[in-house]
Amino acid sequence: MRILIYSYNYHPEPIGIAPLMTELAEGLVKRGHQVRVVTAMPNYPERQIYEAYRGKFYVTEYKNGVEIQRSYVWIRPQPNLLDRIMLDASFVFTSFLPALKGWRPDVILSTSPSLPVCLPTTLLGWLHGCPVVLNLQDILPDAAIHVGLLKNKLLIKVFQTLEKVAYGTATKISVIADGFVDNLKSKGVAANKIVQIPNWVDVNFIRPLSKENNAFRIAHNLQGKFVVSYSGNIALTQGLETVVKAAAKLRHVKDIVFVIVGEAKGLQRLQEECHKYGADNVLLLPFQPREKLPEMLAASDVGLVVQKKNVISFNMPSKIQVLLASGRAIIASVPNNGTAARAITQSGGGLIVPPEEPEALASAILDLYQQPEKVTLLGEKSRKFAMEQYAFDQALKNYESLFYSVTDTCYEIEPTLVANQEEVVVQG
């Protein structure tokens, strides 16, 4: 098949949707498909266009067999609501021309966020006469309204209308968790239009490694320490201040060290929190190169997942799959009725504590510090669950099957061609 992936985020952005879409695109190429990605100039999570891409309106690149078409977007480091609207609008308009100029796809995969992208993908689907699969990584505008980011009644109405257009025009909607299914059904989306495919992790890349002679531990003087780590976005929905306060409560235990890895602006804010609460046991580090991620995760004894109380219940951070695959124990400071808590509980690889309660988080960390055998057991369960539920190969096959199911009329005439494509991949 010729597959067009329309995703605002893509390589080389290090976290969030970008690594997922990069792995999916490259995985599809390895299975014999032709893949083109329409994306923005890389800017996340710093919200600044990366230096190598500044001053350019369009860039076309090729990486691991994937054609990548990048376009300029309006981006500001500390965006207000208008800036966020301008960002979405700029991507809608600047991305459409390269998307239109490329080869005709057999199927389009559109990721959300961003929700307004449903406009160019719907138009492209109509112009090319091909199906559009909408991939929901979050549900907007519900999430934005819930955390107070979107309050204007007119804008809420506009985004709710866009949501209806996106759901109504998509051939199929892929969702990453069961909470999404319930939400869509409550909005009148037919059950047979929804396909649940959890986000994945490359269990061959992210894998348990020894803490002994770990280069990350050595580089940051962490040998012999009980390392509690968080790596990811530092934004409105995380509430990393809870981690800093918990660290301050444990600073008398000299063997416990907290490591927080994130974007520069978020780290600056947390540095002020560390000074405020006297949390001198917190190490703040910038994002590491992706190739060093397995080693960084292996340096930890415990990985953290953190959300605020007001995070909408079906939010499912992609870091959960990564932490599980790393074979480390997890402590999740998240709402206990949400998708994140449910996934970690099912895995058996972690503990759930109430969000925004530093005392509870500190107590759970101290409990694991005092029970190394429990830490080991939780880590083993984490890895086992990741291998069974979140392996990338299975997710890749599920997406490939989904694409074939919506394009079956295109392939009924030439079933031998499809079989040959599979055969080539196997031989390769």
Protein backbone atom coordinates (compact mmCIF):
# COMPACT_ATOMS: atom_id res chain seq x y z
CA MET A 1 0.00 0.00 0.00
CA ARG A 2 0.84 3.66 -0.30
CA ILE A 3 0.22 5.09 3.18
CA LEU A 4 0.14 8.80 4.01
CA ILE A 5 0.66 9.62 7.69
CA TYR A 6 -0.47 13.13 8.62
CA SER A 7 1.13 13.84 11.99
CA TYR A 8 2.12 17.16 13.48
CA ASN A 9 4.84 15.41 15.52
CA TYR A 10 7.60 13.20 14.09
CA HIS A 11 11.32 12.43 14.35
CA PRO A 12 13.60 13.94 15.67
CA GLU A 13 11.26 15.06 18.46
CA PRO A 14 12.16 12.81 21.42
CA ILE A 15 8.90 12.24 23.31
CA GLY A 16 5.16 11.88 22.92
CA ILE A 17 3.57 11.05 19.59
CA ALA A 18 6.73 11.62 17.53
CA PRO A 19 8.61 8.38 18.41
CA LEU A 20 5.39 6.39 18.00
CA MET A 21 4.63 7.71 14.52
CA THR A 22 8.28 7.35 13.51
CA GLU A 23 8.33 3.70 14.56
CA LEU A 24 5.00 3.04 12.85
CA ALA A 25 6.07 4.65 9.56
CA GLU A 26 9.43 2.87 9.48
CA GLY A 27 7.83 -0.41 10.53
CA LEU A 28 5.35 -0.20 7.66
CA VAL A 29 8.20 0.42 5.23
CA LYS A 30 9.95 -2.70 6.49
CA ARG A 31 6.76 -4.65 5.77
CA GLY A 32 6.91 -3.56 2.13
CA HIS A 33 4.68 -0.49 2.06
CA GLN A 34 5.43 2.96 0.67
CA VAL A 35 5.08 5.60 3.39
CA ARG A 36 4.97 9.38 3.22
CA VAL A 37 4.73 11.56 6.33
CA VAL A 38 3.36 15.11 6.33
CA THR A 39 4.57 16.85 9.46
CA ALA A 40 5.65 20.17 10.97
CA MET A 41 9.15 21.53 11.41
CA PRO A 42 10.37 19.82 14.60
CA ASN A 43 9.78 22.01 17.65
CA TYR A 44 8.61 19.88 20.58
CA PRO A 45 8.95 19.96 23.56
CA GLU A 46 10.86 23.26 23.61
CA ARG A 47 8.21 24.81 21.35
CA GLN A 48 10.95 26.33 19.21
CA ILE A 49 11.75 25.18 15.70
CA TYR A 50 14.99 23.21 15.86
CA GLU A 51 17.99 25.22 14.71
CA ALA A 52 18.67 23.13 11.58
CA TYR A 53 15.15 23.87 10.30
CA ARG A 54 14.85 27.59 11.04
CA GLY A 55 14.28 30.02 8.20
CA LYS A 56 12.79 27.31 5.98
CA PHE A 57 9.21 27.04 4.77
CA TYR A 58 9.33 23.51 3.32
CA VAL A 59 11.79 20.65 3.76
CA THR A 60 11.62 17.17 2.25
CA GLU A 61 13.76 14.46 3.83
CA TYR A 62 14.16 10.68 3.62
CA LYS A 63 14.87 8.54 6.65
CA ASN A 64 14.84 4.74 6.77
CA GLY A 65 12.74 4.55 3.62
CA VAL A 66 10.15 7.13 4.73
CA GLU A 67 9.55 10.31 2.75
CA ILE A 68 9.13 13.18 5.26
CA GLN A 69 7.51 16.44 4.10
CA ARG A 70 7.92 19.22 6.65
CA SER A 71 6.27 22.63 6.63
CA TYR A 72 6.61 25.84 8.63
CA VAL A 73 4.37 26.39 11.66
CA TRP A 74 3.67 29.39 13.90
CA ILE A 75 5.17 28.42 17.27
CA ARG A 76 5.89 30.34 20.47
CA PRO A 77 7.88 29.03 23.50
CA GLN A 78 5.17 30.00 25.99
CA PRO A 79 1.99 29.93 23.94
CA ASN A 80 -1.26 31.53 25.02
CA LEU A 81 -4.58 30.38 23.61
CA LEU A 82 -4.25 32.56 20.49
CA ASP A 83 -0.77 31.18 19.84
CA ARG A 84 -2.10 27.61 20.08
CA ILE A 85 -4.87 28.43 17.60
CA MET A 86 -2.33 30.02 15.25
CA LEU A 87 -0.14 26.93 15.55
CA ASP A 88 -2.96 24.60 14.50
CA ALA A 89 -4.13 26.94 11.76
CA SER A 90 -0.64 27.41 10.32
CA PHE A 91 -0.08 23.65 10.11
CA VAL A 92 -3.45 23.15 8.42
CA PHE A 93 -2.60 25.64 5.67
CA THR A 94 1.15 25.11 5.17
CA SER A 95 0.99 21.32 5.20
CA PHE A 96 -1.76 20.95 2.62
CA LEU A 97 0.31 21.88 -0.45
CA PRO A 98 3.08 19.29 0.03
CA ALA A 99 0.46 16.71 0.99
CA LEU A 100 -1.41 17.41 -2.23
CA LYS A 101 1.69 17.41 -4.43
CA GLY A 102 2.87 13.97 -3.35
CA TRP A 103 1.75 10.61 -4.73
CA ARG A 104 -1.86 9.47 -4.32
CA PRO A 105 -2.22 7.41 -1.13
CA ASP A 106 -4.31 4.28 -0.73
CA VAL A 107 -5.06 5.26 2.86
CA ILE A 108 -4.45 8.29 5.10
CA LEU A 109 -3.66 8.02 8.82
CA SER A 110 -4.34 11.28 10.65
CA THR A 111 -3.21 11.73 14.26
CA SER A 112 -4.98 13.92 16.82
CA PRO A 113 -3.90 16.20 18.39
CA SER A 114 -4.09 18.39 16.31
CA LEU A 115 -7.87 18.32 15.81
CA PRO A 116 -8.06 20.91 12.95
CA VAL A 117 -5.94 18.56 10.83
CA CYS A 118 -9.19 16.75 10.09
CA LEU A 119 -9.90 19.50 7.54
CA PRO A 120 -6.98 18.89 5.14
CA THR A 121 -7.10 15.10 5.62
CA THR A 122 -10.82 15.02 4.89
CA LEU A 123 -10.27 17.10 1.75
CA LEU A 124 -7.35 14.91 0.66
CA GLY A 125 -9.41 11.79 1.21
CA TRP A 126 -12.18 13.21 -0.94
CA LEU A 127 -9.81 14.40 -3.70
CA HIS A 128 -7.96 11.07 -3.85
CA GLY A 129 -11.00 8.91 -3.21
CA CYS A 130 -9.23 7.09 -0.38
CA PRO A 131 -10.20 6.21 3.20
CA VAL A 132 -9.05 8.24 6.22
CA VAL A 133 -8.21 6.56 9.53
CA LEU A 134 -8.28 8.95 12.48
CA ASN A 135 -5.84 8.01 15.26
CA LEU A 136 -6.83 9.53 18.61
CA GLN A 137 -3.97 10.01 21.07
CA ASP A 138 -6.13 12.39 23.09
CA ILE A 139 -9.73 13.52 22.90
CA LEU A 140 -10.16 17.20 22.16
CA PRO A 141 -11.69 19.50 23.13
CA ASP A 142 -12.69 17.48 26.24
CA ALA A 143 -9.15 17.35 27.63
CA ALA A 144 -8.50 21.08 27.05
CA ILE A 145 -11.81 22.05 28.67
CA HIS A 146 -11.24 19.73 31.62
CA VAL A 147 -7.87 21.28 32.60
CA GLY A 148 -9.11 24.83 32.01
CA LEU A 149 -7.06 25.50 28.90
CA LEU A 150 -10.15 26.16 26.77
CA LYS A 151 -12.82 28.37 28.37
CA ASN A 152 -14.16 30.59 25.60
CA LYS A 153 -17.68 29.36 24.74
CA LEU A 154 -17.39 30.27 21.06
CA LEU A 155 -14.07 28.44 20.69
CA ILE A 156 -15.46 25.45 22.54
CA LYS A 157 -18.33 25.36 20.04
CA VAL A 158 -15.89 25.63 17.12
CA PHE A 159 -13.75 22.75 18.40
CA GLN A 160 -16.77 20.61 19.17
CA THR A 161 -17.89 21.15 15.59
CA LEU A 162 -14.42 20.16 14.35
CA GLU A 163 -14.64 17.07 16.51
CA LYS A 164 -17.95 16.08 14.88
CA VAL A 165 -16.45 16.65 11.43
CA ALA A 166 -13.41 14.53 12.31
CA TYR A 167 -15.49 11.64 13.62
CA GLY A 168 -18.10 11.89 10.91
CA THR A 169 -15.72 11.95 7.95
CA ALA A 170 -13.23 9.32 9.18
CA THR A 171 -13.63 5.87 7.71
CA LYS A 172 -12.37 4.32 10.94
CA ILE A 173 -11.20 5.72 14.27
CA SER A 174 -8.32 4.03 16.10
CA VAL A 175 -8.11 4.68 19.83
CA ILE A 176 -5.41 3.79 22.36
CA ALA A 177 -7.52 2.82 25.41
CA ASP A 178 -10.98 1.57 26.36
CA GLY A 179 -11.89 4.89 27.98
CA PHE A 180 -11.73 6.46 24.52
CA VAL A 181 -14.23 3.91 23.22
CA ASP A 182 -16.77 4.83 25.89
CA ASN A 183 -16.30 8.54 25.23
CA LEU A 184 -16.85 8.18 21.48
CA LYS A 185 -19.90 5.98 21.90
CA SER A 186 -21.42 8.58 24.23
CA LYS A 187 -21.06 11.09 21.39
CA GLY A 188 -22.92 8.90 18.93
CA VAL A 189 -20.00 7.30 17.13
CA ALA A 190 -20.95 3.81 15.92
CA ALA A 191 -19.15 0.98 17.69
CA ASN A 192 -18.16 -0.65 14.37
CA LYS A 193 -16.29 2.52 13.42
CA ILE A 194 -13.97 2.30 16.42
CA VAL A 195 -10.87 0.10 16.58
CA GLN A 196 -8.82 -0.12 19.77
CA ILE A 197 -5.08 -0.47 19.22
CA PRO A 198 -2.99 0.39 22.29
CA ASN A 199 0.17 2.40 21.88
CA TRP A 200 3.24 0.22 21.76
CA VAL A 201 6.87 0.06 22.71
CA ASP A 202 9.78 -1.49 20.85
CA VAL A 203 10.59 -4.19 23.42
CA ASN A 204 13.83 -5.01 21.61
CA PHE A 205 15.07 -1.41 21.96
CA ILE A 206 13.63 -0.65 25.41
CA ARG A 207 14.69 -3.60 27.52
CA PRO A 208 15.96 -4.42 31.02
CA LEU A 209 19.65 -3.67 31.40
CA SER A 210 21.95 -4.05 34.38
CA LYS A 211 22.52 -1.16 36.78
CA GLU A 212 26.11 -2.31 37.19
CA ASN A 213 28.59 -0.29 35.13
CA ASN A 214 25.68 1.77 33.85
CA ALA A 215 27.15 4.75 31.97
CA PHE A 216 24.26 7.07 32.99
CA ARG A 217 24.76 6.24 36.67
CA ILE A 218 28.51 6.71 36.40
CA ALA A 219 28.22 10.02 34.52
CA HIS A 220 25.91 11.50 37.18
CA ASN A 221 27.48 9.96 40.30
CA LEU A 222 24.49 7.71 41.02
CA GLN A 223 26.39 4.52 41.87
CA GLY A 224 24.97 2.90 44.97
CA LYS A 225 21.94 5.20 45.02
CA PHE A 226 18.24 4.32 44.93
CA VAL A 227 17.23 6.26 41.83
CA VAL A 228 13.66 7.49 41.32
CA SER A 229 13.26 9.00 37.86
CA TYR A 230 10.81 10.92 35.71
CA SER A 231 11.44 11.60 32.04
CA GLY A 232 9.02 13.44 29.79
CA ASN A 233 6.90 16.50 29.35
CA ILE A 234 6.82 19.06 32.17
CA ALA A 235 3.53 20.79 31.55
CA LEU A 236 0.09 21.71 32.82
CA THR A 237 -1.21 18.17 33.27
CA GLN A 238 1.82 16.63 35.02
CA GLY A 239 2.23 18.58 38.26
CA LEU A 240 5.90 17.72 38.82
CA GLU A 241 5.84 20.02 41.86
CA THR A 242 4.42 17.00 43.70
CA VAL A 243 7.63 15.08 42.97
CA VAL A 244 9.80 17.94 44.25
CA LYS A 245 7.79 18.15 47.48
CA ALA A 246 8.02 14.37 47.94
CA ALA A 247 11.79 14.56 47.37
CA ALA A 248 12.07 17.25 50.05
CA LYS A 249 10.32 14.93 52.51
CA LEU A 250 12.91 12.21 51.80
CA ARG A 251 16.08 14.31 51.73
CA HIS A 252 17.14 12.81 55.09
CA VAL A 253 17.53 9.42 53.33
CA LYS A 254 20.85 10.07 51.61
CA ASP A 255 20.69 7.00 49.37
CA ILE A 256 17.49 8.15 47.61
CA VAL A 257 18.05 10.42 44.61
CA PHE A 258 15.42 11.85 42.25
CA VAL A 259 16.23 12.39 38.57
CA ILE A 260 13.92 14.53 36.42
CA VAL A 261 14.64 14.73 32.69
CA GLY A 262 12.76 17.24 30.56
CA GLU A 263 12.75 20.42 28.50
CA ALA A 264 14.80 23.43 29.60
CA LYS A 265 11.94 25.80 30.48
CA GLY A 266 10.18 23.20 32.60
CA LEU A 267 13.44 22.39 34.39
CA GLN A 268 13.99 26.07 35.19
CA ARG A 269 10.59 26.19 36.88
CA LEU A 270 11.32 23.02 38.84
CA GLN A 271 14.71 24.37 39.90
CA GLU A 272 12.90 27.22 41.63
CA GLU A 273 10.63 24.67 43.35
CA CYS A 274 13.68 22.70 44.52
CA HIS A 275 15.19 25.83 46.11
CA LYS A 276 11.83 26.71 47.66
CA TYR A 277 11.40 23.33 49.37
CA GLY A 278 15.06 22.50 49.98
CA ALA A 279 14.98 19.46 47.69
CA ASP A 280 18.73 19.13 47.18
CA ASN A 281 18.31 15.44 46.33
CA VAL A 282 16.80 16.22 42.90
CA LEU A 283 18.96 16.07 39.78
CA LEU A 284 17.50 18.02 36.84
CA LEU A 285 18.74 17.02 33.39
CA PRO A 286 17.90 17.92 29.78
CA PHE A 287 16.49 15.33 27.39
CA GLN A 288 19.00 12.65 26.48
CA PRO A 289 19.61 11.39 22.93
CA ARG A 290 17.06 8.69 22.11
CA GLU A 291 19.74 6.05 21.59
CA LYS A 292 20.67 6.48 25.27
CA LEU A 293 17.11 6.05 26.53
CA PRO A 294 17.38 2.31 27.42
CA GLU A 295 20.49 2.98 29.49
CA MET A 296 18.89 5.97 31.23
CA LEU A 297 15.81 3.92 32.13
CA ALA A 298 18.02 1.07 33.36
CA ALA A 299 19.78 3.47 35.72
CA SER A 300 16.52 3.81 37.68
CA ASP A 301 15.15 1.68 40.46
CA VAL A 302 11.70 3.24 40.15
CA GLY A 303 10.06 5.12 37.27
CA LEU A 304 7.40 7.75 37.94
CA VAL A 305 4.15 8.54 36.14
CA VAL A 306 2.62 11.79 37.37
CA GLN A 307 -0.70 13.49 36.63
CA LYS A 308 -2.77 16.19 38.28
CA LYS A 309 -6.16 15.51 39.85
CA ASN A 310 -8.02 17.28 37.06
CA VAL A 311 -6.56 15.19 34.21
CA ILE A 312 -9.37 13.63 32.25
CA SER A 313 -9.84 9.97 33.17
CA PHE A 314 -9.05 8.41 29.77
CA ASN A 315 -5.65 10.10 29.40
CA MET A 316 -3.00 7.41 28.77
CA PRO A 317 0.64 8.63 28.86
CA SER A 318 2.81 6.79 26.34
CA LYS A 319 5.62 6.67 28.91
CA ILE A 320 3.75 3.87 30.72
CA GLN A 321 4.53 1.34 27.99
CA VAL A 322 8.16 2.50 27.93
CA LEU A 323 8.59 2.13 31.70
CA LEU A 324 6.97 -1.30 31.66
CA ALA A 325 9.28 -2.48 28.88
CA SER A 326 12.34 -1.25 30.76
CA GLY A 327 11.60 -3.79 33.49
CA ARG A 328 11.50 -1.29 36.31
CA ALA A 329 9.01 -0.81 39.15
CA ILE A 330 6.54 2.04 38.64
CA ILE A 331 4.92 4.45 41.06
CA ALA A 332 2.02 6.33 39.50
CA SER A 333 0.67 9.47 41.14
CA VAL A 334 -2.51 9.50 39.06
CA PRO A 335 -6.31 9.52 39.47
CA ASN A 336 -7.26 6.00 40.58
CA ASN A 337 -10.31 5.86 38.29
CA GLY A 338 -8.36 6.67 35.13
CA THR A 339 -6.93 4.69 32.23
CA ALA A 340 -3.34 5.15 33.43
CA ALA A 341 -4.07 3.68 36.87
CA ARG A 342 -5.98 0.80 35.33
CA ALA A 343 -3.13 -0.11 32.96
CA ILE A 344 -0.49 -0.08 35.71
CA THR A 345 -2.71 -2.07 38.07
CA GLN A 346 -3.35 -4.69 35.37
CA SER A 347 0.38 -4.99 34.73
CA GLY A 348 1.12 -5.81 38.35
CA GLY A 349 4.31 -3.81 37.94
CA GLY A 350 3.56 -0.73 39.98
CA LEU A 351 1.87 1.13 42.81
CA ILE A 352 -0.86 3.77 42.55
CA VAL A 353 -0.91 6.76 44.91
CA PRO A 354 -3.34 9.70 44.97
CA PRO A 355 -2.29 12.60 42.71
CA GLU A 356 -0.94 15.87 44.13
CA GLU A 357 -0.25 14.25 47.53
CA PRO A 358 3.52 14.47 48.19
CA GLU A 359 3.22 12.60 51.49
CA ALA A 360 1.65 9.58 49.79
CA LEU A 361 4.24 9.61 47.01
CA ALA A 362 7.12 9.89 49.49
CA SER A 363 5.69 7.04 51.57
CA ALA A 364 5.41 4.74 48.53
CA ILE A 365 8.99 5.52 47.48
CA LEU A 366 10.31 4.86 50.98
CA ASP A 367 8.37 1.58 51.10
CA LEU A 368 10.07 0.33 47.92
CA TYR A 369 13.48 1.60 49.06
CA GLN A 370 13.12 -0.57 52.15
CA GLN A 371 12.01 -3.63 50.14
CA PRO A 372 14.49 -4.28 47.29
CA GLU A 373 12.98 -7.70 46.62
CA LYS A 374 9.61 -6.05 45.97
CA VAL A 375 11.26 -3.64 43.53
CA THR A 376 12.72 -6.58 41.64
CA LEU A 377 9.40 -8.43 41.54
CA LEU A 378 7.49 -5.37 40.27
CA GLY A 379 10.10 -4.88 37.57
CA GLU A 380 9.78 -8.47 36.39
CA LYS A 381 6.00 -8.14 36.18
CA SER A 382 6.37 -4.86 34.26
CA ARG A 383 8.52 -6.43 31.57
CA LYS A 384 6.31 -9.50 31.26
CA PHE A 385 3.18 -7.37 30.77
CA ALA A 386 4.89 -5.15 28.19
CA MET A 387 5.98 -8.19 26.20
CA GLU A 388 2.46 -9.63 26.26
CA GLN A 389 0.39 -6.48 25.69
CA TYR A 390 2.47 -3.71 24.12
CA ALA A 391 4.96 -5.33 21.73
CA PHE A 392 5.43 -3.19 18.63
CA ASP A 393 5.19 -6.10 16.18
CA GLN A 394 1.62 -6.83 17.24
CA ALA A 395 0.58 -3.17 17.03
CA LEU A 396 2.17 -2.91 13.58
CA LYS A 397 0.22 -5.93 12.35
CA ASN A 398 -2.98 -4.48 13.81
CA TYR A 399 -2.51 -1.19 11.96
CA GLU A 400 -1.62 -3.00 8.76
CA SER A 401 -4.77 -5.13 9.09
CA LEU A 402 -6.83 -2.01 9.75
CA PHE A 403 -5.46 -0.33 6.61
CA TYR A 404 -6.19 -3.42 4.51
CA SER A 405 -9.72 -3.59 5.92
CA VAL A 406 -10.56 -0.06 4.74
CA THR A 407 -8.88 -0.50 1.35
CA ASP A 408 -10.07 -4.04 0.61
CA THR A 409 -11.82 -2.99 -2.58
CA CYS A 410 -8.48 -1.78 -3.91
CA TYR A 411 -6.85 -5.16 -3.34
CA GLU A 412 -9.53 -7.67 -4.20
CA ILE A 413 -8.42 -7.52 -7.85
CA GLU A 414 -4.78 -8.26 -7.09
CA PRO A 415 -4.55 -10.57 -4.07
CA THR A 416 -1.33 -12.06 -5.41
CA LEU A 417 0.38 -8.66 -5.17
CA VAL A 418 -0.38 -8.42 -1.48
CA ALA A 419 0.89 -11.94 -0.88
CA ASN A 420 4.08 -11.15 -2.77
CA GLN A 421 4.68 -8.05 -0.66
CA GLU A 422 4.44 -10.17 2.47
CA GLU A 423 6.79 -12.72 0.97
CA VAL A 424 9.41 -10.13 0.15
CA VAL A 425 9.38 -8.88 3.73
CA VAL A 426 9.76 -12.38 5.12
CA GLN A 427 12.68 -13.14 2.81
CA GLY A 428 14.31 -9.83 3.64
